[in-house]
Amino acid sequence: MTSPRYKLLAILTLALLSRGNSFAQNQATLEAGTAQAPTALVMLHVRVTDALNHAVVDVPQNNFRILEDGVEQKIELFSKEQIPVSYGLVVDNSGSMRSQLEAVVKAGIRVVRTNKADDEAFLIRFISSDKIEIVQETTSNADLLINGLDTLYVEGGASAVVDAIYLATEKLAKQPTKNTLRRRALVIFTDGEDLNSFYTRERLFRLLASTDVQIYTIGFTGYFKPKNQERAKDLLTQLATDTGGRAFFPATTGELQNIADQIINDIRTQYVIGYEPSNRQDGFHKVQVLIEDDNKTEKRVAVTRVGYLARQK
């Protein structure tokens, strides 16, 4: 039997071997399998913050307004209750992460230890495109995830950040679930510099637009030249912004425990809002979540994904 550690690698290897005449066919199949139009409701996972970026958990439904392509939508589902979480920890194990790895493992363990009974997670380590491995398959067993984190090690190779996130997103989006409401997220620890990916950034963001996966990035970009640092920060920031997640750029590894706590809090303290779109045409639909405040309430900001890609089956 094939080890779970190599299943994800096999997926990418197959894609890389298909660059020839069958590339267009493979691309069409891939896109058809990952881009799904909402069957009934568009689901938004919304984080609300105050001016100090603290979570606000007491906003009533009638204070929210949902706009799709500038047109207001009727809210059909609203919940402030915590829901189960499916997430992936995706850890860059390339040489540039050598000095951060111990602290990254501790931060990952901190996240895992907050898992609730219905939560589930997987662990992926990556270096180059031919070294993207599932260290621990999806499980609700925190001990297995912690054991997997403790086995991580650094290797030489050119980082394939885009490929790792692409494949982790696919895995998470296709994961079956028994719960109607479930939050999906990826927590990415990386230097952010993509040097060796098969998939393009455009393909990655197109995939993300067809899922409800939130991405939290922790980028150690301070070791690069200014131009490379800017490129890495731009990628990690856009990944977080487009999906309703959050980007962190710690100056030292000492910040990681606090960052882990912030990610845990962000994932747990969100509103679930569902609406039936008035426009069901194929294509990308821009979404805005606004909060109407009275004069006695300080300004609050709603954070969610920037939109979704709709395609008819």
C-alpha atoms as a PDB file:
ATOM      1  CA  MET A   1       0.000   0.000   0.000  1.00  0.00           C
ATOM      2  CA  THR A   2       1.265   3.482  -0.867  1.00  0.00           C
ATOM      3  CA  SER A   3       2.245   5.524   2.177  1.00  0.00           C
ATOM      4  CA  PRO A   4       0.045   8.625   2.755  1.00  0.00           C
ATOM      5  CA  ARG A   5       3.266  10.640   2.843  1.00  0.00           C
ATOM      6  CA  TYR A   6       3.657  10.142  -0.912  1.00  0.00           C
ATOM      7  CA  LYS A   7       0.075  10.414  -2.134  1.00  0.00           C
ATOM      8  CA  LEU A   8       0.171  14.174  -2.629  1.00  0.00           C
ATOM      9  CA  LEU A   9       3.573  13.934  -4.291  1.00  0.00           C
ATOM     10  CA  ALA A  10       2.130  11.413  -6.741  1.00  0.00           C
ATOM     11  CA  ILE A  11      -0.623  13.869  -7.721  1.00  0.00           C
ATOM     12  CA  LEU A  12       1.890  16.556  -8.597  1.00  0.00           C
ATOM     13  CA  THR A  13       4.217  14.097 -10.339  1.00  0.00           C
ATOM     14  CA  LEU A  14       1.347  13.040 -12.590  1.00  0.00           C
ATOM     15  CA  ALA A  15       0.623  16.681 -13.422  1.00  0.00           C
ATOM     16  CA  LEU A  16       4.260  17.360 -14.237  1.00  0.00           C
ATOM     17  CA  LEU A  17       4.419  14.341 -16.529  1.00  0.00           C
ATOM     18  CA  SER A  18       1.368  15.636 -18.375  1.00  0.00           C
ATOM     19  CA  ARG A  19       2.906  18.817 -19.767  1.00  0.00           C
ATOM     20  CA  GLY A  20       2.821  17.486 -23.310  1.00  0.00           C
ATOM     21  CA  ASN A  21      -0.075  17.004 -25.717  1.00  0.00           C
ATOM     22  CA  SER A  22      -2.553  16.149 -22.984  1.00  0.00           C
ATOM     23  CA  PHE A  23      -1.934  19.346 -20.989  1.00  0.00           C
ATOM     24  CA  ALA A  24      -5.026  21.183 -22.211  1.00  0.00           C
ATOM     25  CA  GLN A  25      -7.221  18.169 -21.492  1.00  0.00           C
ATOM     26  CA  ASN A  26      -5.765  17.784 -17.997  1.00  0.00           C
ATOM     27  CA  GLN A  27      -6.255  21.485 -17.286  1.00  0.00           C
ATOM     28  CA  ALA A  28      -9.901  21.369 -18.352  1.00  0.00           C
ATOM     29  CA  THR A  29     -10.515  18.297 -16.185  1.00  0.00           C
ATOM     30  CA  LEU A  30      -8.789  19.866 -13.191  1.00  0.00           C
ATOM     31  CA  GLU A  31     -10.734  23.095 -13.453  1.00  0.00           C
ATOM     32  CA  ALA A  32     -14.024  21.288 -13.948  1.00  0.00           C
ATOM     33  CA  GLY A  33     -13.361  19.294 -10.794  1.00  0.00           C
ATOM     34  CA  THR A  34     -12.394  22.181  -8.541  1.00  0.00           C
ATOM     35  CA  ALA A  35     -14.578  25.091  -9.611  1.00  0.00           C
ATOM     36  CA  GLN A  36     -18.066  24.544  -8.284  1.00  0.00           C
ATOM     37  CA  ALA A  37     -21.011  26.908  -8.504  1.00  0.00           C
ATOM     38  CA  PRO A  38     -22.995  27.324  -5.288  1.00  0.00           C
ATOM     39  CA  THR A  39     -25.841  24.828  -5.288  1.00  0.00           C
ATOM     40  CA  ALA A  40     -28.112  27.025  -3.131  1.00  0.00           C
ATOM     41  CA  LEU A  41     -26.439  29.497  -0.816  1.00  0.00           C
ATOM     42  CA  VAL A  42     -23.160  31.341  -1.062  1.00  0.00           C
ATOM     43  CA  MET A  43     -21.531  30.831   2.320  1.00  0.00           C
ATOM     44  CA  LEU A  44     -19.335  33.523   3.835  1.00  0.00           C
ATOM     45  CA  HIS A  45     -17.185  33.134   6.925  1.00  0.00           C
ATOM     46  CA  VAL A  46     -16.878  36.661   8.272  1.00  0.00           C
ATOM     47  CA  ARG A  47     -14.455  38.015  10.867  1.00  0.00           C
ATOM     48  CA  VAL A  48     -15.409  41.345  12.452  1.00  0.00           C
ATOM     49  CA  THR A  49     -12.787  43.575  14.067  1.00  0.00           C
ATOM     50  CA  ASP A  50     -12.682  46.912  15.840  1.00  0.00           C
ATOM     51  CA  ALA A  51     -10.170  49.721  15.329  1.00  0.00           C
ATOM     52  CA  LEU A  52      -7.553  47.788  17.324  1.00  0.00           C
ATOM     53  CA  ASN A  53      -8.093  44.614  15.253  1.00  0.00           C
ATOM     54  CA  HIS A  54      -9.804  42.879  18.180  1.00  0.00           C
ATOM     55  CA  ALA A  55     -12.581  40.419  17.374  1.00  0.00           C
ATOM     56  CA  VAL A  56     -16.147  41.702  17.769  1.00  0.00           C
ATOM     57  CA  VAL A  57     -18.633  38.917  18.442  1.00  0.00           C
ATOM     58  CA  ASP A  58     -21.880  40.722  19.253  1.00  0.00           C
ATOM     59  CA  VAL A  59     -22.976  42.209  15.920  1.00  0.00           C
ATOM     60  CA  PRO A  60     -26.659  41.357  15.235  1.00  0.00           C
ATOM     61  CA  GLN A  61     -27.794  40.073  11.869  1.00  0.00           C
ATOM     62  CA  ASN A  62     -29.693  43.239  10.949  1.00  0.00           C
ATOM     63  CA  ASN A  63     -26.460  45.262  11.080  1.00  0.00           C
ATOM     64  CA  PHE A  64     -24.910  43.262   8.234  1.00  0.00           C
ATOM     65  CA  ARG A  65     -25.340  44.102   4.564  1.00  0.00           C
ATOM     66  CA  ILE A  66     -24.165  41.777   1.794  1.00  0.00           C
ATOM     67  CA  LEU A  67     -23.374  43.148  -1.663  1.00  0.00           C
ATOM     68  CA  GLU A  68     -22.611  40.961  -4.663  1.00  0.00           C
ATOM     69  CA  ASP A  69     -21.308  42.887  -7.662  1.00  0.00           C
ATOM     70  CA  GLY A  70     -22.713  45.989  -5.989  1.00  0.00           C
ATOM     71  CA  VAL A  71     -26.226  44.560  -5.595  1.00  0.00           C
ATOM     72  CA  GLU A  72     -27.578  43.985  -2.088  1.00  0.00           C
ATOM     73  CA  GLN A  73     -28.457  40.377  -1.253  1.00  0.00           C
ATOM     74  CA  LYS A  74     -30.939  38.933   1.229  1.00  0.00           C
ATOM     75  CA  ILE A  75     -29.339  37.053   4.115  1.00  0.00           C
ATOM     76  CA  GLU A  76     -30.858  33.573   4.341  1.00  0.00           C
ATOM     77  CA  LEU A  77     -28.587  32.065   6.994  1.00  0.00           C
ATOM     78  CA  PHE A  78     -26.841  33.690   9.940  1.00  0.00           C
ATOM     79  CA  SER A  79     -24.941  32.139  12.824  1.00  0.00           C
ATOM     80  CA  LYS A  80     -22.562  33.348  15.530  1.00  0.00           C
ATOM     81  CA  GLU A  81     -22.048  29.857  16.942  1.00  0.00           C
ATOM     82  CA  GLN A  82     -18.688  28.124  16.716  1.00  0.00           C
ATOM     83  CA  ILE A  83     -18.624  25.478  14.008  1.00  0.00           C
ATOM     84  CA  PRO A  84     -16.199  22.589  13.377  1.00  0.00           C
ATOM     85  CA  VAL A  85     -12.973  23.399  11.553  1.00  0.00           C
ATOM     86  CA  SER A  86     -11.094  21.451   8.898  1.00  0.00           C
ATOM     87  CA  TYR A  87      -7.619  22.827   8.362  1.00  0.00           C
ATOM     88  CA  GLY A  88      -4.182  22.042   7.052  1.00  0.00           C
ATOM     89  CA  LEU A  89      -0.792  22.972   8.448  1.00  0.00           C
ATOM     90  CA  VAL A  90       1.569  23.540   5.503  1.00  0.00           C
ATOM     91  CA  VAL A  91       5.200  23.933   6.529  1.00  0.00           C
ATOM     92  CA  ASP A  92       8.108  25.045   4.347  1.00  0.00           C
ATOM     93  CA  ASN A  93      11.064  22.735   5.084  1.00  0.00           C
ATOM     94  CA  SER A  94      13.530  24.345   2.670  1.00  0.00           C
ATOM     95  CA  GLY A  95      16.979  25.384   3.874  1.00  0.00           C
ATOM     96  CA  SER A  96      16.041  29.012   4.476  1.00  0.00           C
ATOM     97  CA  MET A  97      13.673  27.862   7.255  1.00  0.00           C
ATOM     98  CA  ARG A  98      16.369  26.072   9.237  1.00  0.00           C
ATOM     99  CA  SER A  99      16.639  28.613  12.053  1.00  0.00           C
ATOM    100  CA  GLN A 100      12.853  29.015  12.386  1.00  0.00           C
ATOM    101  CA  LEU A 101      11.762  25.379  12.273  1.00  0.00           C
ATOM    102  CA  GLU A 102      11.844  24.650  16.004  1.00  0.00           C
ATOM    103  CA  ALA A 103       9.677  27.673  16.788  1.00  0.00           C
ATOM    104  CA  VAL A 104       7.353  26.845  13.871  1.00  0.00           C
ATOM    105  CA  VAL A 105       6.823  23.337  15.243  1.00  0.00           C
ATOM    106  CA  LYS A 106       5.967  24.757  18.678  1.00  0.00           C
ATOM    107  CA  ALA A 107       3.486  27.195  17.102  1.00  0.00           C
ATOM    108  CA  GLY A 108       1.897  24.373  15.111  1.00  0.00           C
ATOM    109  CA  ILE A 109       1.536  22.303  18.270  1.00  0.00           C
ATOM    110  CA  ARG A 110      -0.088  25.291  19.988  1.00  0.00           C
ATOM    111  CA  VAL A 111      -2.701  25.435  17.218  1.00  0.00           C
ATOM    112  CA  VAL A 112      -3.332  21.679  17.302  1.00  0.00           C
ATOM    113  CA  ARG A 113      -3.806  21.599  21.071  1.00  0.00           C
ATOM    114  CA  THR A 114      -6.877  23.857  20.699  1.00  0.00           C
ATOM    115  CA  ASN A 115      -8.667  21.338  18.453  1.00  0.00           C
ATOM    116  CA  LYS A 116     -12.189  20.452  19.483  1.00  0.00           C
ATOM    117  CA  ALA A 117     -13.792  17.025  19.155  1.00  0.00           C
ATOM    118  CA  ASP A 118     -15.276  17.657  15.690  1.00  0.00           C
ATOM    119  CA  ASP A 119     -12.220  19.422  14.261  1.00  0.00           C
ATOM    120  CA  GLU A 120      -9.869  17.702  11.835  1.00  0.00           C
ATOM    121  CA  ALA A 121      -6.532  18.590  10.316  1.00  0.00           C
ATOM    122  CA  PHE A 122      -3.674  17.349   8.154  1.00  0.00           C
ATOM    123  CA  LEU A 123       0.027  18.199   7.960  1.00  0.00           C
ATOM    124  CA  ILE A 124       2.081  18.819   4.812  1.00  0.00           C
ATOM    125  CA  ARG A 125       5.791  19.555   4.518  1.00  0.00           C
ATOM    126  CA  PHE A 126       7.244  20.928   1.305  1.00  0.00           C
ATOM    127  CA  ILE A 127      10.465  21.949  -0.348  1.00  0.00           C
ATOM    128  CA  SER A 128      10.592  21.767  -4.142  1.00  0.00           C
ATOM    129  CA  SER A 129       7.851  20.461  -6.440  1.00  0.00           C
ATOM    130  CA  ASP A 130       9.099  16.892  -6.142  1.00  0.00           C
ATOM    131  CA  LYS A 131       9.172  17.081  -2.341  1.00  0.00           C
ATOM    132  CA  ILE A 132       5.620  17.898  -1.267  1.00  0.00           C
ATOM    133  CA  GLU A 133       4.608  15.286   1.267  1.00  0.00           C
ATOM    134  CA  ILE A 134       1.636  14.486   3.469  1.00  0.00           C
ATOM    135  CA  VAL A 135       3.265  13.876   6.827  1.00  0.00           C
ATOM    136  CA  GLN A 136      -0.074  13.225   8.540  1.00  0.00           C
ATOM    137  CA  GLU A 137      -3.333  12.520   6.755  1.00  0.00           C
ATOM    138  CA  THR A 138      -6.564  14.185   7.887  1.00  0.00           C
ATOM    139  CA  THR A 139      -7.342  13.202  11.455  1.00  0.00           C
ATOM    140  CA  SER A 140      -9.142  14.339  14.585  1.00  0.00           C
ATOM    141  CA  ASN A 141      -6.355  12.831  16.706  1.00  0.00           C
ATOM    142  CA  ALA A 142      -4.223  15.714  18.013  1.00  0.00           C
ATOM    143  CA  ASP A 143      -1.467  13.349  19.156  1.00  0.00           C
ATOM    144  CA  LEU A 144      -0.916  12.115  15.600  1.00  0.00           C
ATOM    145  CA  LEU A 145      -0.625  15.674  14.331  1.00  0.00           C
ATOM    146  CA  ILE A 146       1.809  16.614  17.089  1.00  0.00           C
ATOM    147  CA  ASN A 147       3.913  13.530  16.374  1.00  0.00           C
ATOM    148  CA  GLY A 148       3.978  14.536  12.717  1.00  0.00           C
ATOM    149  CA  LEU A 149       5.136  18.054  13.569  1.00  0.00           C
ATOM    150  CA  ASP A 150       7.940  16.613  15.673  1.00  0.00           C
ATOM    151  CA  THR A 151       9.268  14.688  12.643  1.00  0.00           C
ATOM    152  CA  LEU A 152       9.726  17.756  10.399  1.00  0.00           C
ATOM    153  CA  TYR A 153      13.237  18.422   9.128  1.00  0.00           C
ATOM    154  CA  VAL A 154      14.944  20.820   6.727  1.00  0.00           C
ATOM    155  CA  GLU A 155      16.306  19.845   3.308  1.00  0.00           C
ATOM    156  CA  GLY A 156      17.993  21.721   0.520  1.00  0.00           C
ATOM    157  CA  GLY A 157      15.933  22.702  -2.500  1.00  0.00           C
ATOM    158  CA  ALA A 158      14.152  25.568  -4.243  1.00  0.00           C
ATOM    159  CA  SER A 159      10.834  26.349  -2.548  1.00  0.00           C
ATOM    160  CA  ALA A 160       7.609  25.509  -4.397  1.00  0.00           C
ATOM    161  CA  VAL A 161       5.261  27.668  -2.333  1.00  0.00           C
ATOM    162  CA  VAL A 162       2.532  27.976  -4.970  1.00  0.00           C
ATOM    163  CA  ASP A 163       2.460  24.235  -5.702  1.00  0.00           C
ATOM    164  CA  ALA A 164       2.219  23.343  -2.022  1.00  0.00           C
ATOM    165  CA  ILE A 165      -0.665  25.734  -1.394  1.00  0.00           C
ATOM    166  CA  TYR A 166      -2.429  24.705  -4.593  1.00  0.00           C
ATOM    167  CA  LEU A 167      -2.385  21.010  -3.706  1.00  0.00           C
ATOM    168  CA  ALA A 168      -3.272  21.629  -0.063  1.00  0.00           C
ATOM    169  CA  THR A 169      -6.238  23.759  -1.156  1.00  0.00           C
ATOM    170  CA  GLU A 170      -7.465  21.039  -3.501  1.00  0.00           C
ATOM    171  CA  LYS A 171      -7.140  18.453  -0.777  1.00  0.00           C
ATOM    172  CA  LEU A 172      -9.035  20.556   1.747  1.00  0.00           C
ATOM    173  CA  ALA A 173     -11.773  21.653  -0.654  1.00  0.00           C
ATOM    174  CA  LYS A 174     -12.496  18.066  -1.740  1.00  0.00           C
ATOM    175  CA  GLN A 175     -12.473  16.674   1.782  1.00  0.00           C
ATOM    176  CA  PRO A 176     -15.844  15.062   2.574  1.00  0.00           C
ATOM    177  CA  THR A 177     -17.639  16.303   5.638  1.00  0.00           C
ATOM    178  CA  LYS A 178     -20.687  15.226   7.615  1.00  0.00           C
ATOM    179  CA  ASN A 179     -21.338  18.770   8.851  1.00  0.00           C
ATOM    180  CA  THR A 180     -23.435  21.221   6.858  1.00  0.00           C
ATOM    181  CA  LEU A 181     -21.429  24.093   8.307  1.00  0.00           C
ATOM    182  CA  ARG A 182     -17.676  23.667   8.551  1.00  0.00           C
ATOM    183  CA  ARG A 183     -14.881  26.208   8.309  1.00  0.00           C
ATOM    184  CA  ARG A 184     -11.886  25.358   6.103  1.00  0.00           C
ATOM    185  CA  ALA A 185      -8.496  26.982   6.560  1.00  0.00           C
ATOM    186  CA  LEU A 186      -4.819  26.585   5.733  1.00  0.00           C
ATOM    187  CA  VAL A 187      -2.021  27.808   8.000  1.00  0.00           C
ATOM    188  CA  ILE A 188       1.145  28.343   5.942  1.00  0.00           C
ATOM    189  CA  PHE A 189       4.625  28.709   7.456  1.00  0.00           C
ATOM    190  CA  THR A 190       7.098  29.761   4.760  1.00  0.00           C
ATOM    191  CA  ASP A 191       9.731  32.233   3.619  1.00  0.00           C
ATOM    192  CA  GLY A 192       7.263  33.122   0.855  1.00  0.00           C
ATOM    193  CA  GLU A 193       9.733  33.055  -2.025  1.00  0.00           C
ATOM    194  CA  ASP A 194       8.457  30.782  -4.786  1.00  0.00           C
ATOM    195  CA  LEU A 195      11.330  29.418  -6.874  1.00  0.00           C
ATOM    196  CA  ASN A 196      10.214  26.094  -8.269  1.00  0.00           C
ATOM    197  CA  SER A 197       6.452  25.778  -8.855  1.00  0.00           C
ATOM    198  CA  PHE A 198       4.658  24.139 -11.749  1.00  0.00           C
ATOM    199  CA  TYR A 199       1.392  25.979 -11.128  1.00  0.00           C
ATOM    200  CA  THR A 200       1.244  29.714 -11.768  1.00  0.00           C
ATOM    201  CA  ARG A 201      -0.011  32.287  -9.299  1.00  0.00           C
ATOM    202  CA  GLU A 202      -2.960  32.918 -11.630  1.00  0.00           C
ATOM    203  CA  ARG A 203      -3.974  29.238 -11.505  1.00  0.00           C
ATOM    204  CA  LEU A 204      -3.682  29.241  -7.728  1.00  0.00           C
ATOM    205  CA  PHE A 205      -5.877  32.307  -7.255  1.00  0.00           C
ATOM    206  CA  ARG A 206      -8.429  30.945  -9.718  1.00  0.00           C
ATOM    207  CA  LEU A 207      -8.642  27.779  -7.634  1.00  0.00           C
ATOM    208  CA  LEU A 208      -8.967  29.758  -4.411  1.00  0.00           C
ATOM    209  CA  ALA A 209     -11.810  31.776  -5.925  1.00  0.00           C
ATOM    210  CA  SER A 210     -13.736  28.524  -6.444  1.00  0.00           C
ATOM    211  CA  THR A 211     -13.400  27.375  -2.816  1.00  0.00           C
ATOM    212  CA  ASP A 212     -14.212  28.709   0.632  1.00  0.00           C
ATOM    213  CA  VAL A 213     -10.738  27.986   2.051  1.00  0.00           C
ATOM    214  CA  GLN A 214      -9.303  30.740   4.240  1.00  0.00           C
ATOM    215  CA  ILE A 215      -5.524  31.135   4.246  1.00  0.00           C
ATOM    216  CA  TYR A 216      -3.378  32.335   7.114  1.00  0.00           C
ATOM    217  CA  THR A 217       0.224  32.994   6.133  1.00  0.00           C
ATOM    218  CA  ILE A 218       3.238  33.361   8.426  1.00  0.00           C
ATOM    219  CA  GLY A 219       6.050  34.710   6.277  1.00  0.00           C
ATOM    220  CA  PHE A 220       9.729  34.852   7.235  1.00  0.00           C
ATOM    221  CA  THR A 221      10.741  37.247   4.490  1.00  0.00           C
ATOM    222  CA  GLY A 222      13.363  39.308   6.273  1.00  0.00           C
ATOM    223  CA  TYR A 223      16.304  37.376   4.869  1.00  0.00           C
ATOM    224  CA  PHE A 224      15.809  38.406   1.249  1.00  0.00           C
ATOM    225  CA  LYS A 225      16.990  41.310  -0.810  1.00  0.00           C
ATOM    226  CA  PRO A 226      14.380  44.121  -0.911  1.00  0.00           C
ATOM    227  CA  LYS A 227      13.015  43.135  -4.336  1.00  0.00           C
ATOM    228  CA  ASN A 228      12.624  39.468  -3.410  1.00  0.00           C
ATOM    229  CA  GLN A 229      11.176  40.390  -0.027  1.00  0.00           C
ATOM    230  CA  GLU A 230       8.555  42.591  -1.678  1.00  0.00           C
ATOM    231  CA  ARG A 231       7.567  39.796  -4.068  1.00  0.00           C
ATOM    232  CA  ALA A 232       7.240  37.272  -1.235  1.00  0.00           C
ATOM    233  CA  LYS A 233       5.195  39.631   0.941  1.00  0.00           C
ATOM    234  CA  ASP A 234       2.923  40.461  -1.980  1.00  0.00           C
ATOM    235  CA  LEU A 235       2.115  36.783  -2.571  1.00  0.00           C
ATOM    236  CA  LEU A 236       1.471  35.962   1.075  1.00  0.00           C
ATOM    237  CA  THR A 237      -0.599  39.100   1.652  1.00  0.00           C
ATOM    238  CA  GLN A 238      -2.780  38.507  -1.392  1.00  0.00           C
ATOM    239  CA  LEU A 239      -3.376  34.881  -0.393  1.00  0.00           C
ATOM    240  CA  ALA A 240      -4.693  36.034   2.968  1.00  0.00           C
ATOM    241  CA  THR A 241      -6.645  39.047   1.721  1.00  0.00           C
ATOM    242  CA  ASP A 242      -8.436  37.272  -1.133  1.00  0.00           C
ATOM    243  CA  THR A 243      -9.594  34.401   1.081  1.00  0.00           C
ATOM    244  CA  GLY A 244     -10.587  36.317   4.215  1.00  0.00           C
ATOM    245  CA  GLY A 245      -7.585  35.089   6.182  1.00  0.00           C
ATOM    246  CA  ARG A 246      -4.674  37.062   7.568  1.00  0.00           C
ATOM    247  CA  ALA A 247      -0.965  37.557   6.847  1.00  0.00           C
ATOM    248  CA  PHE A 248       1.734  37.789   9.507  1.00  0.00           C
ATOM    249  CA  PHE A 249       5.384  38.752   9.041  1.00  0.00           C
ATOM    250  CA  PRO A 250       7.182  38.113  12.331  1.00  0.00           C
ATOM    251  CA  ALA A 251      10.461  39.900  12.928  1.00  0.00           C
ATOM    252  CA  THR A 252      11.567  37.142  15.309  1.00  0.00           C
ATOM    253  CA  THR A 253      10.493  33.595  16.111  1.00  0.00           C
ATOM    254  CA  GLY A 254       9.528  34.846  19.565  1.00  0.00           C
ATOM    255  CA  GLU A 255       6.349  36.270  18.016  1.00  0.00           C
ATOM    256  CA  LEU A 256       5.074  32.908  16.807  1.00  0.00           C
ATOM    257  CA  GLN A 257       3.248  31.839  19.952  1.00  0.00           C
ATOM    258  CA  ASN A 258       1.229  35.068  19.934  1.00  0.00           C
ATOM    259  CA  ILE A 259       0.575  34.710  16.200  1.00  0.00           C
ATOM    260  CA  ALA A 260      -0.686  31.166  16.763  1.00  0.00           C
ATOM    261  CA  ASP A 261      -3.096  32.513  19.402  1.00  0.00           C
ATOM    262  CA  GLN A 262      -4.342  35.191  17.011  1.00  0.00           C
ATOM    263  CA  ILE A 263      -4.970  32.637  14.265  1.00  0.00           C
ATOM    264  CA  ILE A 264      -6.843  30.384  16.687  1.00  0.00           C
ATOM    265  CA  ASN A 265      -8.979  33.324  17.802  1.00  0.00           C
ATOM    266  CA  ASP A 266      -9.658  34.420  14.224  1.00  0.00           C
ATOM    267  CA  ILE A 267     -10.796  30.959  13.162  1.00  0.00           C
ATOM    268  CA  ARG A 268     -13.029  30.482  16.203  1.00  0.00           C
ATOM    269  CA  THR A 269     -14.706  33.905  16.334  1.00  0.00           C
ATOM    270  CA  GLN A 270     -16.402  34.264  12.963  1.00  0.00           C
ATOM    271  CA  TYR A 271     -19.928  34.716  11.726  1.00  0.00           C
ATOM    272  CA  VAL A 272     -21.426  32.399   9.122  1.00  0.00           C
ATOM    273  CA  ILE A 273     -23.608  34.229   6.609  1.00  0.00           C
ATOM    274  CA  GLY A 274     -25.397  32.597   3.700  1.00  0.00           C
ATOM    275  CA  TYR A 275     -27.348  34.153   0.844  1.00  0.00           C
ATOM    276  CA  GLU A 276     -28.903  33.026  -2.408  1.00  0.00           C
ATOM    277  CA  PRO A 277     -27.259  35.068  -5.170  1.00  0.00           C
ATOM    278  CA  SER A 278     -29.542  37.129  -7.367  1.00  0.00           C
ATOM    279  CA  ASN A 279     -27.113  36.687 -10.285  1.00  0.00           C
ATOM    280  CA  ARG A 280     -26.241  33.094 -11.100  1.00  0.00           C
ATOM    281  CA  GLN A 281     -24.192  33.806 -14.206  1.00  0.00           C
ATOM    282  CA  ASP A 282     -20.851  32.085 -14.649  1.00  0.00           C
ATOM    283  CA  GLY A 283     -17.754  34.041 -13.723  1.00  0.00           C
ATOM    284  CA  PHE A 284     -16.232  35.844 -10.783  1.00  0.00           C
ATOM    285  CA  HIS A 285     -18.601  37.672  -8.450  1.00  0.00           C
ATOM    286  CA  LYS A 286     -17.238  40.324  -6.103  1.00  0.00           C
ATOM    287  CA  VAL A 287     -18.555  40.182  -2.539  1.00  0.00           C
ATOM    288  CA  GLN A 288     -18.622  42.910   0.091  1.00  0.00           C
ATOM    289  CA  VAL A 289     -19.789  42.621   3.672  1.00  0.00           C
ATOM    290  CA  LEU A 290     -20.689  45.934   5.283  1.00  0.00           C
ATOM    291  CA  ILE A 291     -21.701  46.722   8.848  1.00  0.00           C
ATOM    292  CA  GLU A 292     -24.138  49.508   9.577  1.00  0.00           C
ATOM    293  CA  ASP A 293     -23.142  51.267  12.803  1.00  0.00           C
ATOM    294  CA  ASP A 294     -25.113  53.753  14.836  1.00  0.00           C
ATOM    295  CA  ASN A 295     -23.491  56.864  16.249  1.00  0.00           C
ATOM    296  CA  LYS A 296     -22.942  55.183  19.615  1.00  0.00           C
ATOM    297  CA  THR A 297     -20.916  52.309  18.196  1.00  0.00           C
ATOM    298  CA  GLU A 298     -17.257  52.501  17.206  1.00  0.00           C
ATOM    299  CA  LYS A 299     -16.440  51.579  13.643  1.00  0.00           C
ATOM    300  CA  ARG A 300     -16.294  47.859  12.921  1.00  0.00           C
ATOM    301  CA  VAL A 301     -14.823  46.154   9.869  1.00  0.00           C
ATOM    302  CA  ALA A 302     -15.990  42.892   8.318  1.00  0.00           C
ATOM    303  CA  VAL A 303     -13.342  40.665   6.736  1.00  0.00           C
ATOM    304  CA  THR A 304     -14.200  37.821   4.374  1.00  0.00           C
ATOM    305  CA  ARG A 305     -13.180  36.493   0.955  1.00  0.00           C
ATOM    306  CA  VAL A 306     -13.246  39.044  -1.851  1.00  0.00           C
ATOM    307  CA  GLY A 307     -15.559  36.990  -4.026  1.00  0.00           C
ATOM    308  CA  TYR A 308     -16.182  33.603  -5.602  1.00  0.00           C
ATOM    309  CA  LEU A 309     -15.974  31.944  -9.001  1.00  0.00           C
ATOM    310  CA  ALA A 310     -19.309  30.520 -10.169  1.00  0.00           C
ATOM    311  CA  ARG A 311     -19.555  27.892 -12.872  1.00  0.00           C
ATOM    312  CA  GLN A 312     -22.591  25.873 -13.795  1.00  0.00           C
ATOM    313  CA  LYS A 313     -22.249  22.098 -13.576  1.00  0.00           C
END
